[in-house]
Each structure stands twice: as structure tokens, then as C-alpha cells.
Amino acid sequence: EITNGRRTNYIDSAKGRFTISRDNAKN
């Protein structure tokens, strides 16, 4: 998950492998 302030949180199995990001200009 990613907050509106771009703080991120991952399930343990995803840490180091997955990256969540957002582009507010593109929704």
C-alpha cells in the first residue's frame, strides 16, 4: 500500500522484491 504522502508498506513476502508507486498526474 502507498499513502497519499507516498509512505509505503509491504507484506513480508514482498519486501525487497516488489515496489509500489503512484503518479498523481496520471491517477
mmCIF file of all heavy atoms, coordinates in Angstrom:
data_MODEL
# 
_entry.id   MODEL 
# 
loop_
_atom_site.group_PDB 
_atom_site.id 
_atom_site.type_symbol 
_atom_site.label_atom_id 
_atom_site.label_alt_id 
_atom_site.label_comp_id 
_atom_site.label_asym_id 
_atom_site.label_entity_id 
_atom_site.label_seq_id 
_atom_site.pdbx_PDB_ins_code 
_atom_site.Cartn_x 
_atom_site.Cartn_y 
_atom_site.Cartn_z 
_atom_site.occupancy 
_atom_site.B_iso_or_equiv 
_atom_site.pdbx_formal_charge 
_atom_site.auth_seq_id 
_atom_site.auth_comp_id 
_atom_site.auth_asym_id 
_atom_site.auth_atom_id 
_atom_site.pdbx_PDB_model_num 
ATOM 1   N N   . GLU A 1 1  ? 0.838  -1.186  0.000   1.00 0.00 ? 1  GLU A N   1 
ATOM 2   C CA  . GLU A 1 1  ? 0.000  0.000   0.000   1.00 0.00 ? 1  GLU A CA  1 
ATOM 3   C C   . GLU A 1 1  ? 0.873  1.235   0.000   1.00 0.00 ? 1  GLU A C   1 
ATOM 4   O O   . GLU A 1 1  ? 2.037  1.200   0.441   1.00 0.00 ? 1  GLU A O   1 
ATOM 5   C CB  . GLU A 1 1  ? -0.942 0.009   1.202   1.00 0.00 ? 1  GLU A CB  1 
ATOM 6   C CG  . GLU A 1 1  ? -0.259 -0.034  2.546   1.00 0.00 ? 1  GLU A CG  1 
ATOM 7   C CD  . GLU A 1 1  ? -1.252 -0.126  3.694   1.00 0.00 ? 1  GLU A CD  1 
ATOM 8   O OE1 . GLU A 1 1  ? -2.457 0.034   3.461   1.00 0.00 ? 1  GLU A OE1 1 
ATOM 9   O OE2 . GLU A 1 1  ? -0.817 -0.368  4.830   1.00 0.00 ? 1  GLU A OE2 1 
ATOM 10  N N   . ILE A 1 2  ? 0.302  2.328   -0.504  1.00 0.00 ? 2  ILE A N   1 
ATOM 11  C CA  . ILE A 1 2  ? 1.018  3.593   -0.555  1.00 0.00 ? 2  ILE A CA  1 
ATOM 12  C C   . ILE A 1 2  ? 0.059  4.691   -0.118  1.00 0.00 ? 2  ILE A C   1 
ATOM 13  O O   . ILE A 1 2  ? -1.068 4.764   -0.618  1.00 0.00 ? 2  ILE A O   1 
ATOM 14  C CB  . ILE A 1 2  ? 1.611  3.846   -1.966  1.00 0.00 ? 2  ILE A CB  1 
ATOM 15  C CG1 . ILE A 1 2  ? 2.434  5.124   -1.981  1.00 0.00 ? 2  ILE A CG1 1 
ATOM 16  C CG2 . ILE A 1 2  ? 0.541  3.844   -3.050  1.00 0.00 ? 2  ILE A CG2 1 
ATOM 17  C CD1 . ILE A 1 2  ? 3.305  5.263   -3.241  1.00 0.00 ? 2  ILE A CD1 1 
ATOM 18  N N   . THR A 1 3  ? 0.490  5.519   0.811   1.00 0.00 ? 3  THR A N   1 
ATOM 19  C CA  . THR A 1 3  ? -0.367 6.590   1.307   1.00 0.00 ? 3  THR A CA  1 
ATOM 20  C C   . THR A 1 3  ? -0.354 7.771   0.350   1.00 0.00 ? 3  THR A C   1 
ATOM 21  O O   . THR A 1 3  ? 0.396  7.811   -0.628  1.00 0.00 ? 3  THR A O   1 
ATOM 22  C CB  . THR A 1 3  ? 0.112  7.058   2.693   1.00 0.00 ? 3  THR A CB  1 
ATOM 23  O OG1 . THR A 1 3  ? 1.372  7.730   2.541   1.00 0.00 ? 3  THR A OG1 1 
ATOM 24  C CG2 . THR A 1 3  ? 0.261  5.882   3.652   1.00 0.00 ? 3  THR A CG2 1 
ATOM 25  N N   . ASN A 1 4  ? -1.178 8.772   0.676   1.00 0.00 ? 4  ASN A N   1 
ATOM 26  C CA  . ASN A 1 4  ? -1.175 9.975   -0.157  1.00 0.00 ? 4  ASN A CA  1 
ATOM 27  C C   . ASN A 1 4  ? 0.146  10.721  -0.029  1.00 0.00 ? 4  ASN A C   1 
ATOM 28  O O   . ASN A 1 4  ? 0.512  11.501  -0.905  1.00 0.00 ? 4  ASN A O   1 
ATOM 29  C CB  . ASN A 1 4  ? -2.355 10.872  0.172   1.00 0.00 ? 4  ASN A CB  1 
ATOM 30  C CG  . ASN A 1 4  ? -2.402 11.272  1.639   1.00 0.00 ? 4  ASN A CG  1 
ATOM 31  O OD1 . ASN A 1 4  ? -1.589 10.840  2.445   1.00 0.00 ? 4  ASN A OD1 1 
ATOM 32  N ND2 . ASN A 1 4  ? -3.376 12.080  2.001   1.00 0.00 ? 4  ASN A ND2 1 
ATOM 33  N N   . GLY A 1 5  ? 0.887  10.467  1.046   1.00 0.00 ? 5  GLY A N   1 
ATOM 34  C CA  . GLY A 1 5  ? 2.211  11.055  1.227   1.00 0.00 ? 5  GLY A CA  1 
ATOM 35  C C   . GLY A 1 5  ? 3.328  10.168  0.722   1.00 0.00 ? 5  GLY A C   1 
ATOM 36  O O   . GLY A 1 5  ? 4.501  10.409  1.003   1.00 0.00 ? 5  GLY A O   1 
ATOM 37  N N   . ARG A 1 6  ? 2.947  9.102   -0.008  1.00 0.00 ? 6  ARG A N   1 
ATOM 38  C CA  . ARG A 1 6  ? 3.892  8.163   -0.616  1.00 0.00 ? 6  ARG A CA  1 
ATOM 39  C C   . ARG A 1 6  ? 4.641  7.312   0.403   1.00 0.00 ? 6  ARG A C   1 
ATOM 40  O O   . ARG A 1 6  ? 5.687  6.748   0.096   1.00 0.00 ? 6  ARG A O   1 
ATOM 41  C CB  . ARG A 1 6  ? 4.862  8.857   -1.565  1.00 0.00 ? 6  ARG A CB  1 
ATOM 42  C CG  . ARG A 1 6  ? 4.202  9.350   -2.843  1.00 0.00 ? 6  ARG A CG  1 
ATOM 43  C CD  . ARG A 1 6  ? 5.191  9.912   -3.832  1.00 0.00 ? 6  ARG A CD  1 
ATOM 44  N NE  . ARG A 1 6  ? 4.620  10.076  -5.158  1.00 0.00 ? 6  ARG A NE  1 
ATOM 45  C CZ  . ARG A 1 6  ? 3.862  11.088  -5.530  1.00 0.00 ? 6  ARG A CZ  1 
ATOM 46  N NH1 . ARG A 1 6  ? 3.575  12.037  -4.669  1.00 0.00 ? 6  ARG A NH1 1 
ATOM 47  N NH2 . ARG A 1 6  ? 3.377  11.147  -6.764  1.00 0.00 ? 6  ARG A NH2 1 
ATOM 48  N N   . ARG A 1 7  ? 4.101  7.199   1.606   1.00 0.00 ? 7  ARG A N   1 
ATOM 49  C CA  . ARG A 1 7  ? 4.667  6.228   2.536   1.00 0.00 ? 7  ARG A CA  1 
ATOM 50  C C   . ARG A 1 7  ? 4.188  4.854   2.117   1.00 0.00 ? 7  ARG A C   1 
ATOM 51  O O   . ARG A 1 7  ? 3.023  4.681   1.775   1.00 0.00 ? 7  ARG A O   1 
ATOM 52  C CB  . ARG A 1 7  ? 4.231  6.542   3.968   1.00 0.00 ? 7  ARG A CB  1 
ATOM 53  C CG  . ARG A 1 7  ? 4.920  5.675   5.014   1.00 0.00 ? 7  ARG A CG  1 
ATOM 54  C CD  . ARG A 1 7  ? 4.565  6.172   6.407   1.00 0.00 ? 7  ARG A CD  1 
ATOM 55  N NE  . ARG A 1 7  ? 3.143  6.076   6.670   1.00 0.00 ? 7  ARG A NE  1 
ATOM 56  C CZ  . ARG A 1 7  ? 2.494  6.879   7.485   1.00 0.00 ? 7  ARG A CZ  1 
ATOM 57  N NH1 . ARG A 1 7  ? 3.120  7.857   8.111   1.00 0.00 ? 7  ARG A NH1 1 
ATOM 58  N NH2 . ARG A 1 7  ? 1.205  6.721   7.680   1.00 0.00 ? 7  ARG A NH2 1 
ATOM 59  N N   . THR A 1 8  ? 5.077  3.864   2.135   1.00 0.00 ? 8  THR A N   1 
ATOM 60  C CA  . THR A 1 8  ? 4.738  2.540   1.634   1.00 0.00 ? 8  THR A CA  1 
ATOM 61  C C   . THR A 1 8  ? 4.811  1.481   2.729   1.00 0.00 ? 8  THR A C   1 
ATOM 62  O O   . THR A 1 8  ? 5.521  1.630   3.724   1.00 0.00 ? 8  THR A O   1 
ATOM 63  C CB  . THR A 1 8  ? 5.681  2.127   0.491   1.00 0.00 ? 8  THR A CB  1 
ATOM 64  O OG1 . THR A 1 8  ? 7.034  2.144   0.966   1.00 0.00 ? 8  THR A OG1 1 
ATOM 65  C CG2 . THR A 1 8  ? 5.542  3.069   -0.679  1.00 0.00 ? 8  THR A CG2 1 
ATOM 66  N N   . ASN A 1 9  ? 4.060  0.408   2.502   1.00 0.00 ? 9  ASN A N   1 
ATOM 67  C CA  . ASN A 1 9  ? 4.047  -0.712  3.429   1.00 0.00 ? 9  ASN A CA  1 
ATOM 68  C C   . ASN A 1 9  ? 3.884  -1.984  2.610   1.00 0.00 ? 9  ASN A C   1 
ATOM 69  O O   . ASN A 1 9  ? 3.123  -1.999  1.626   1.00 0.00 ? 9  ASN A O   1 
ATOM 70  C CB  . ASN A 1 9  ? 2.891  -0.581  4.423   1.00 0.00 ? 9  ASN A CB  1 
ATOM 71  C CG  . ASN A 1 9  ? 2.908  -1.655  5.475   1.00 0.00 ? 9  ASN A CG  1 
ATOM 72  O OD1 . ASN A 1 9  ? 3.949  -1.986  6.024   1.00 0.00 ? 9  ASN A OD1 1 
ATOM 73  N ND2 . ASN A 1 9  ? 1.746  -2.224  5.747   1.00 0.00 ? 9  ASN A ND2 1 
ATOM 74  N N   . TYR A 1 10 ? 4.600  -3.060  3.001   1.00 0.00 ? 10 TYR A N   1 
ATOM 75  C CA  . TYR A 1 10 ? 4.597  -4.302  2.230   1.00 0.00 ? 10 TYR A CA  1 
ATOM 76  C C   . TYR A 1 10 ? 4.392  -5.500  3.141   1.00 0.00 ? 10 TYR A C   1 
ATOM 77  O O   . TYR A 1 10 ? 4.855  -5.518  4.295   1.00 0.00 ? 10 TYR A O   1 
ATOM 78  C CB  . TYR A 1 10 ? 5.932  -4.497  1.500   1.00 0.00 ? 10 TYR A CB  1 
ATOM 79  C CG  . TYR A 1 10 ? 6.263  -3.420  0.504   1.00 0.00 ? 10 TYR A CG  1 
ATOM 80  C CD1 . TYR A 1 10 ? 6.982  -2.293  0.879   1.00 0.00 ? 10 TYR A CD1 1 
ATOM 81  C CD2 . TYR A 1 10 ? 5.852  -3.518  -0.824  1.00 0.00 ? 10 TYR A CD2 1 
ATOM 82  C CE1 . TYR A 1 10 ? 7.291  -1.293  -0.034  1.00 0.00 ? 10 TYR A CE1 1 
ATOM 83  C CE2 . TYR A 1 10 ? 6.151  -2.541  -1.741  1.00 0.00 ? 10 TYR A CE2 1 
ATOM 84  C CZ  . TYR A 1 10 ? 6.870  -1.424  -1.345  1.00 0.00 ? 10 TYR A CZ  1 
ATOM 85  O OH  . TYR A 1 10 ? 7.168  -0.443  -2.255  1.00 0.00 ? 10 TYR A OH  1 
ATOM 86  N N   . ILE A 1 11 ? 3.736  -6.517  2.605   1.00 0.00 ? 11 ILE A N   1 
ATOM 87  C CA  . ILE A 1 11 ? 3.707  -7.795  3.278   1.00 0.00 ? 11 ILE A CA  1 
ATOM 88  C C   . ILE A 1 11 ? 5.137  -8.351  3.256   1.00 0.00 ? 11 ILE A C   1 
ATOM 89  O O   . ILE A 1 11 ? 5.920  -8.036  2.342   1.00 0.00 ? 11 ILE A O   1 
ATOM 90  C CB  . ILE A 1 11 ? 2.726  -8.747  2.559   1.00 0.00 ? 11 ILE A CB  1 
ATOM 91  C CG1 . ILE A 1 11 ? 2.425  -9.974  3.384   1.00 0.00 ? 11 ILE A CG1 1 
ATOM 92  C CG2 . ILE A 1 11 ? 3.243  -9.126  1.188   1.00 0.00 ? 11 ILE A CG2 1 
ATOM 93  C CD1 . ILE A 1 11 ? 1.311  -10.836 2.792   1.00 0.00 ? 11 ILE A CD1 1 
ATOM 94  N N   . ASP A 1 12 ? 5.487  -9.146  4.259   1.00 0.00 ? 12 ASP A N   1 
ATOM 95  C CA  . ASP A 1 12 ? 6.869  -9.613  4.387   1.00 0.00 ? 12 ASP A CA  1 
ATOM 96  C C   . ASP A 1 12 ? 7.373  -10.300 3.121   1.00 0.00 ? 12 ASP A C   1 
ATOM 97  O O   . ASP A 1 12 ? 8.523  -10.104 2.708   1.00 0.00 ? 12 ASP A O   1 
ATOM 98  C CB  . ASP A 1 12 ? 7.008  -10.573 5.575   1.00 0.00 ? 12 ASP A CB  1 
ATOM 99  C CG  . ASP A 1 12 ? 7.029  -9.843  6.909   1.00 0.00 ? 12 ASP A CG  1 
ATOM 100 O OD1 . ASP A 1 12 ? 7.180  -8.596  6.898   1.00 0.00 ? 12 ASP A OD1 1 
ATOM 101 O OD2 . ASP A 1 12 ? 6.896  -10.499 7.952   1.00 0.00 ? 12 ASP A OD2 1 
ATOM 102 N N   . SER A 1 13 ? 6.544  -11.096 2.477   1.00 0.00 ? 13 SER A N   1 
ATOM 103 C CA  . SER A 1 13 ? 6.986  -11.859 1.304   1.00 0.00 ? 13 SER A CA  1 
ATOM 104 C C   . SER A 1 13 ? 7.283  -10.964 0.104   1.00 0.00 ? 13 SER A C   1 
ATOM 105 O O   . SER A 1 13 ? 7.928  -11.400 -0.851  1.00 0.00 ? 13 SER A O   1 
ATOM 106 C CB  . SER A 1 13 ? 5.938  -12.904 0.927   1.00 0.00 ? 13 SER A CB  1 
ATOM 107 O OG  . SER A 1 13 ? 4.708  -12.278 0.614   1.00 0.00 ? 13 SER A OG  1 
ATOM 108 N N   . ALA A 1 14 ? 6.813  -9.726  0.138   1.00 0.00 ? 14 ALA A N   1 
ATOM 109 C CA  . ALA A 1 14 ? 7.027  -8.797  -0.968  1.00 0.00 ? 14 ALA A CA  1 
ATOM 110 C C   . ALA A 1 14 ? 8.207  -7.858  -0.740  1.00 0.00 ? 14 ALA A C   1 
ATOM 111 O O   . ALA A 1 14 ? 8.703  -7.244  -1.699  1.00 0.00 ? 14 ALA A O   1 
ATOM 112 C CB  . ALA A 1 14 ? 5.772  -7.975  -1.205  1.00 0.00 ? 14 ALA A CB  1 
ATOM 113 N N   . LYS A 1 15 ? 8.644  -7.750  0.480   1.00 0.00 ? 15 LYS A N   1 
ATOM 114 C CA  . LYS A 1 15 ? 9.742  -6.824  0.800   1.00 0.00 ? 15 LYS A CA  1 
ATOM 115 C C   . LYS A 1 15 ? 11.012 -7.196  0.045   1.00 0.00 ? 15 LYS A C   1 
ATOM 116 O O   . LYS A 1 15 ? 11.423 -8.340  0.010   1.00 0.00 ? 15 LYS A O   1 
ATOM 117 C CB  . LYS A 1 15 ? 9.993  -6.823  2.305   1.00 0.00 ? 15 LYS A CB  1 
ATOM 118 C CG  . LYS A 1 15 ? 8.881  -6.189  3.109   1.00 0.00 ? 15 LYS A CG  1 
ATOM 119 C CD  . LYS A 1 15 ? 9.156  -6.245  4.606   1.00 0.00 ? 15 LYS A CD  1 
ATOM 120 C CE  . LYS A 1 15 ? 8.025  -5.615  5.403   1.00 0.00 ? 15 LYS A CE  1 
ATOM 121 N NZ  . LYS A 1 15 ? 8.236  -5.724  6.863   1.00 0.00 ? 15 LYS A NZ  1 
ATOM 122 N N   . GLY A 1 16 ? 11.605 -6.188  -0.597  1.00 0.00 ? 16 GLY A N   1 
ATOM 123 C CA  . GLY A 1 16 ? 12.821 -6.409  -1.365  1.00 0.00 ? 16 GLY A CA  1 
ATOM 124 C C   . GLY A 1 16 ? 12.591 -6.891  -2.775  1.00 0.00 ? 16 GLY A C   1 
ATOM 125 O O   . GLY A 1 16 ? 13.533 -6.944  -3.573  1.00 0.00 ? 16 GLY A O   1 
ATOM 126 N N   . ARG A 1 17 ? 11.347 -7.281  -3.093  1.00 0.00 ? 17 ARG A N   1 
ATOM 127 C CA  . ARG A 1 17 ? 11.049 -7.768  -4.456  1.00 0.00 ? 17 ARG A CA  1 
ATOM 128 C C   . ARG A 1 17 ? 10.050 -6.877  -5.180  1.00 0.00 ? 17 ARG A C   1 
ATOM 129 O O   . ARG A 1 17 ? 10.142 -6.701  -6.391  1.00 0.00 ? 17 ARG A O   1 
ATOM 130 C CB  . ARG A 1 17 ? 10.490 -9.194  -4.389  1.00 0.00 ? 17 ARG A CB  1 
ATOM 131 C CG  . ARG A 1 17 ? 11.418 -10.217 -3.773  1.00 0.00 ? 17 ARG A CG  1 
ATOM 132 C CD  . ARG A 1 17 ? 10.872 -11.634 -3.961  1.00 0.00 ? 17 ARG A CD  1 
ATOM 133 N NE  . ARG A 1 17 ? 9.553  -11.802 -3.367  1.00 0.00 ? 17 ARG A NE  1 
ATOM 134 C CZ  . ARG A 1 17 ? 8.510  -12.326 -4.014  1.00 0.00 ? 17 ARG A CZ  1 
ATOM 135 N NH1 . ARG A 1 17 ? 8.615  -12.700 -5.272  1.00 0.00 ? 17 ARG A NH1 1 
ATOM 136 N NH2 . ARG A 1 17 ? 7.342  -12.466 -3.386  1.00 0.00 ? 17 ARG A NH2 1 
ATOM 137 N N   . PHE A 1 18 ? 9.070  -6.357  -4.452  1.00 0.00 ? 18 PHE A N   1 
ATOM 138 C CA  . PHE A 1 18 ? 8.006  -5.553  -5.057  1.00 0.00 ? 18 PHE A CA  1 
ATOM 139 C C   . PHE A 1 18 ? 8.176  -4.084  -4.655  1.00 0.00 ? 18 PHE A C   1 
ATOM 140 O O   . PHE A 1 18 ? 8.626  -3.783  -3.540  1.00 0.00 ? 18 PHE A O   1 
ATOM 141 C CB  . PHE A 1 18 ? 6.642  -6.019  -4.582  1.00 0.00 ? 18 PHE A CB  1 
ATOM 142 C CG  . PHE A 1 18 ? 6.247  -7.406  -5.030  1.00 0.00 ? 18 PHE A CG  1 
ATOM 143 C CD1 . PHE A 1 18 ? 7.093  -8.208  -5.779  1.00 0.00 ? 18 PHE A CD1 1 
ATOM 144 C CD2 . PHE A 1 18 ? 4.990  -7.909  -4.695  1.00 0.00 ? 18 PHE A CD2 1 
ATOM 145 C CE1 . PHE A 1 18 ? 6.721  -9.474  -6.187  1.00 0.00 ? 18 PHE A CE1 1 
ATOM 146 C CE2 . PHE A 1 18 ? 4.601  -9.177  -5.099  1.00 0.00 ? 18 PHE A CE2 1 
ATOM 147 C CZ  . PHE A 1 18 ? 5.480  -9.961  -5.839  1.00 0.00 ? 18 PHE A CZ  1 
ATOM 148 N N   . THR A 1 19 ? 7.768  -3.199  -5.564  1.00 0.00 ? 19 THR A N   1 
ATOM 149 C CA  . THR A 1 19 ? 7.779  -1.770  -5.282  1.00 0.00 ? 19 THR A CA  1 
ATOM 150 C C   . THR A 1 19 ? 6.475  -1.156  -5.740  1.00 0.00 ? 19 THR A C   1 
ATOM 151 O O   . THR A 1 19 ? 6.109  -1.279  -6.913  1.00 0.00 ? 19 THR A O   1 
ATOM 152 C CB  . THR A 1 19 ? 8.943  -1.068  -5.987  1.00 0.00 ? 19 THR A CB  1 
ATOM 153 O OG1 . THR A 1 19 ? 10.183 -1.666  -5.597  1.00 0.00 ? 19 THR A OG1 1 
ATOM 154 C CG2 . THR A 1 19 ? 8.968  0.412   -5.630  1.00 0.00 ? 19 THR A CG2 1 
ATOM 155 N N   . ILE A 1 20 ? 5.788  -0.507  -4.818  1.00 0.00 ? 20 ILE A N   1 
ATOM 156 C CA  . ILE A 1 20 ? 4.567  0.203   -5.161  1.00 0.00 ? 20 ILE A CA  1 
ATOM 157 C C   . ILE A 1 20 ? 4.898  1.680   -5.336  1.00 0.00 ? 20 ILE A C   1 
ATOM 158 O O   . ILE A 1 20 ? 5.724  2.238   -4.603  1.00 0.00 ? 20 ILE A O   1 
ATOM 159 C CB  . ILE A 1 20 ? 3.472  0.003   -4.081  1.00 0.00 ? 20 ILE A CB  1 
ATOM 160 C CG1 . ILE A 1 20 ? 2.133  0.567   -4.549  1.00 0.00 ? 20 ILE A CG1 1 
ATOM 161 C CG2 . ILE A 1 20 ? 3.897  0.592   -2.736  1.00 0.00 ? 20 ILE A CG2 1 
ATOM 162 C CD1 . ILE A 1 20 ? 0.960  0.211   -3.624  1.00 0.00 ? 20 ILE A CD1 1 
ATOM 163 N N   . SER A 1 21 ? 4.261  2.294   -6.331  1.00 0.00 ? 21 SER A N   1 
ATOM 164 C CA  . SER A 1 21 ? 4.481  3.718   -6.579  1.00 0.00 ? 21 SER A CA  1 
ATOM 165 C C   . SER A 1 21 ? 3.199  4.310   -7.141  1.00 0.00 ? 21 SER A C   1 
ATOM 166 O O   . SER A 1 21 ? 2.287  3.576   -7.525  1.00 0.00 ? 21 SER A O   1 
ATOM 167 C CB  . SER A 1 21 ? 5.655  3.932   -7.544  1.00 0.00 ? 21 SER A CB  1 
ATOM 168 O OG  . SER A 1 21 ? 5.400  3.331   -8.801  1.00 0.00 ? 21 SER A OG  1 
ATOM 169 N N   . ARG A 1 22 ? 3.153  5.627   -7.182  1.00 0.00 ? 22 ARG A N   1 
ATOM 170 C CA  . ARG A 1 22 ? 1.966  6.291   -7.720  1.00 0.00 ? 22 ARG A CA  1 
ATOM 171 C C   . ARG A 1 22 ? 2.366  7.510   -8.514  1.00 0.00 ? 22 ARG A C   1 
ATOM 172 O O   . ARG A 1 22 ? 3.377  8.165   -8.208  1.00 0.00 ? 22 ARG A O   1 
ATOM 173 C CB  . ARG A 1 22 ? 1.004  6.675   -6.597  1.00 0.00 ? 22 ARG A CB  1 
ATOM 174 C CG  . ARG A 1 22 ? 1.520  7.700   -5.612  1.00 0.00 ? 22 ARG A CG  1 
ATOM 175 C CD  . ARG A 1 22 ? 0.592  7.827   -4.386  1.00 0.00 ? 22 ARG A CD  1 
ATOM 176 N NE  . ARG A 1 22 ? -0.745 8.274   -4.774  1.00 0.00 ? 22 ARG A NE  1 
ATOM 177 C CZ  . ARG A 1 22 ? -1.824 8.084   -4.002  1.00 0.00 ? 22 ARG A CZ  1 
ATOM 178 N NH1 . ARG A 1 22 ? -1.729 7.465   -2.849  1.00 0.00 ? 22 ARG A NH1 1 
ATOM 179 N NH2 . ARG A 1 22 ? -2.999 8.541   -4.413  1.00 0.00 ? 22 ARG A NH2 1 
ATOM 180 N N   . ASP A 1 23 ? 1.553  7.812   -9.527  1.00 0.00 ? 23 ASP A N   1 
ATOM 181 C CA  . ASP A 1 23 ? 1.712  9.021   -10.336 1.00 0.00 ? 23 ASP A CA  1 
ATOM 182 C C   . ASP A 1 23 ? 0.393  9.770   -10.242 1.00 0.00 ? 23 ASP A C   1 
ATOM 183 O O   . ASP A 1 23 ? -0.590 9.419   -10.916 1.00 0.00 ? 23 ASP A O   1 
ATOM 184 C CB  . ASP A 1 23 ? 2.044  8.641   -11.779 1.00 0.00 ? 23 ASP A CB  1 
ATOM 185 C CG  . ASP A 1 23 ? 2.351  9.844   -12.650 1.00 0.00 ? 23 ASP A CG  1 
ATOM 186 O OD1 . ASP A 1 23 ? 1.883  10.958  -12.309 1.00 0.00 ? 23 ASP A OD1 1 
ATOM 187 O OD2 . ASP A 1 23 ? 2.996  9.693   -13.677 1.00 0.00 ? 23 ASP A OD2 1 
ATOM 188 N N   . ASN A 1 24 ? 0.352  10.782  -9.411  1.00 0.00 ? 24 ASN A N   1 
ATOM 189 C CA  . ASN A 1 24 ? -0.897 11.514  -9.196  1.00 0.00 ? 24 ASN A CA  1 
ATOM 190 C C   . ASN A 1 24 ? -1.327 12.279  -10.446 1.00 0.00 ? 24 ASN A C   1 
ATOM 191 O O   . ASN A 1 24 ? -2.523 12.517  -10.643 1.00 0.00 ? 24 ASN A O   1 
ATOM 192 C CB  . ASN A 1 24 ? -0.751 12.469  -8.017  1.00 0.00 ? 24 ASN A CB  1 
ATOM 193 C CG  . ASN A 1 24 ? -0.679 11.734  -6.690  1.00 0.00 ? 24 ASN A CG  1 
ATOM 194 O OD1 . ASN A 1 24 ? -1.071 10.574  -6.581  1.00 0.00 ? 24 ASN A OD1 1 
ATOM 195 N ND2 . ASN A 1 24 ? -0.173 12.408  -5.667  1.00 0.00 ? 24 ASN A ND2 1 
ATOM 196 N N   . ALA A 1 25 ? -0.382 12.660  -11.281 1.00 0.00 ? 25 ALA A N   1 
ATOM 197 C CA  . ALA A 1 25 ? -0.731 13.363  -12.518 1.00 0.00 ? 25 ALA A CA  1 
ATOM 198 C C   . ALA A 1 25 ? -1.487 12.451  -13.476 1.00 0.00 ? 25 ALA A C   1 
ATOM 199 O O   . ALA A 1 25 ? -2.288 12.919  -14.293 1.00 0.00 ? 25 ALA A O   1 
ATOM 200 C CB  . ALA A 1 25 ? 0.522  13.912  -13.186 1.00 0.00 ? 25 ALA A CB  1 
ATOM 201 N N   . LYS A 1 26 ? -1.230 11.144  -13.382 1.00 0.00 ? 26 LYS A N   1 
ATOM 202 C CA  . LYS A 1 26 ? -1.888 10.177  -14.259 1.00 0.00 ? 26 LYS A CA  1 
ATOM 203 C C   . LYS A 1 26 ? -2.961 9.365   -13.543 1.00 0.00 ? 26 LYS A C   1 
ATOM 204 O O   . LYS A 1 26 ? -3.551 8.459   -14.145 1.00 0.00 ? 26 LYS A O   1 
ATOM 205 C CB  . LYS A 1 26 ? -0.840 9.218   -14.846 1.00 0.00 ? 26 LYS A CB  1 
ATOM 206 C CG  . LYS A 1 26 ? 0.168  9.885   -15.761 1.00 0.00 ? 26 LYS A CG  1 
ATOM 207 C CD  . LYS A 1 26 ? 1.147  8.873   -16.340 1.00 0.00 ? 26 LYS A CD  1 
ATOM 208 C CE  . LYS A 1 26 ? 2.128  9.543   -17.283 1.00 0.00 ? 26 LYS A CE  1 
ATOM 209 N NZ  . LYS A 1 26 ? 3.100  8.564   -17.852 1.00 0.00 ? 26 LYS A NZ  1 
ATOM 210 N N   . ASN A 1 27 ? -3.197 9.673   -12.258 1.00 0.00 ? 27 ASN A N   1 
ATOM 211 C CA  . ASN A 1 27 ? -4.189 8.915   -11.470 1.00 0.00 ? 27 ASN A CA  1 
ATOM 212 C C   . ASN A 1 27 ? -3.922 7.417   -11.576 1.00 0.00 ? 27 ASN A C   1 
ATOM 213 O O   . ASN A 1 27 ? -4.856 6.611   -11.770 1.00 0.00 ? 27 ASN A O   1 
ATOM 214 C CB  . ASN A 1 27 ? -5.616 9.225   -11.931 1.00 0.00 ? 27 ASN A CB  1 
ATOM 215 C CG  . ASN A 1 27 ? -6.112 10.572  -11.444 1.00 0.00 ? 27 ASN A CG  1 
ATOM 216 O OD1 . ASN A 1 27 ? -5.360 11.350  -10.849 1.00 0.00 ? 27 ASN A OD1 1 
ATOM 217 N ND2 . ASN A 1 27 ? -7.364 10.876  -11.704 1.00 0.00 ? 27 ASN A ND2 1 
# 
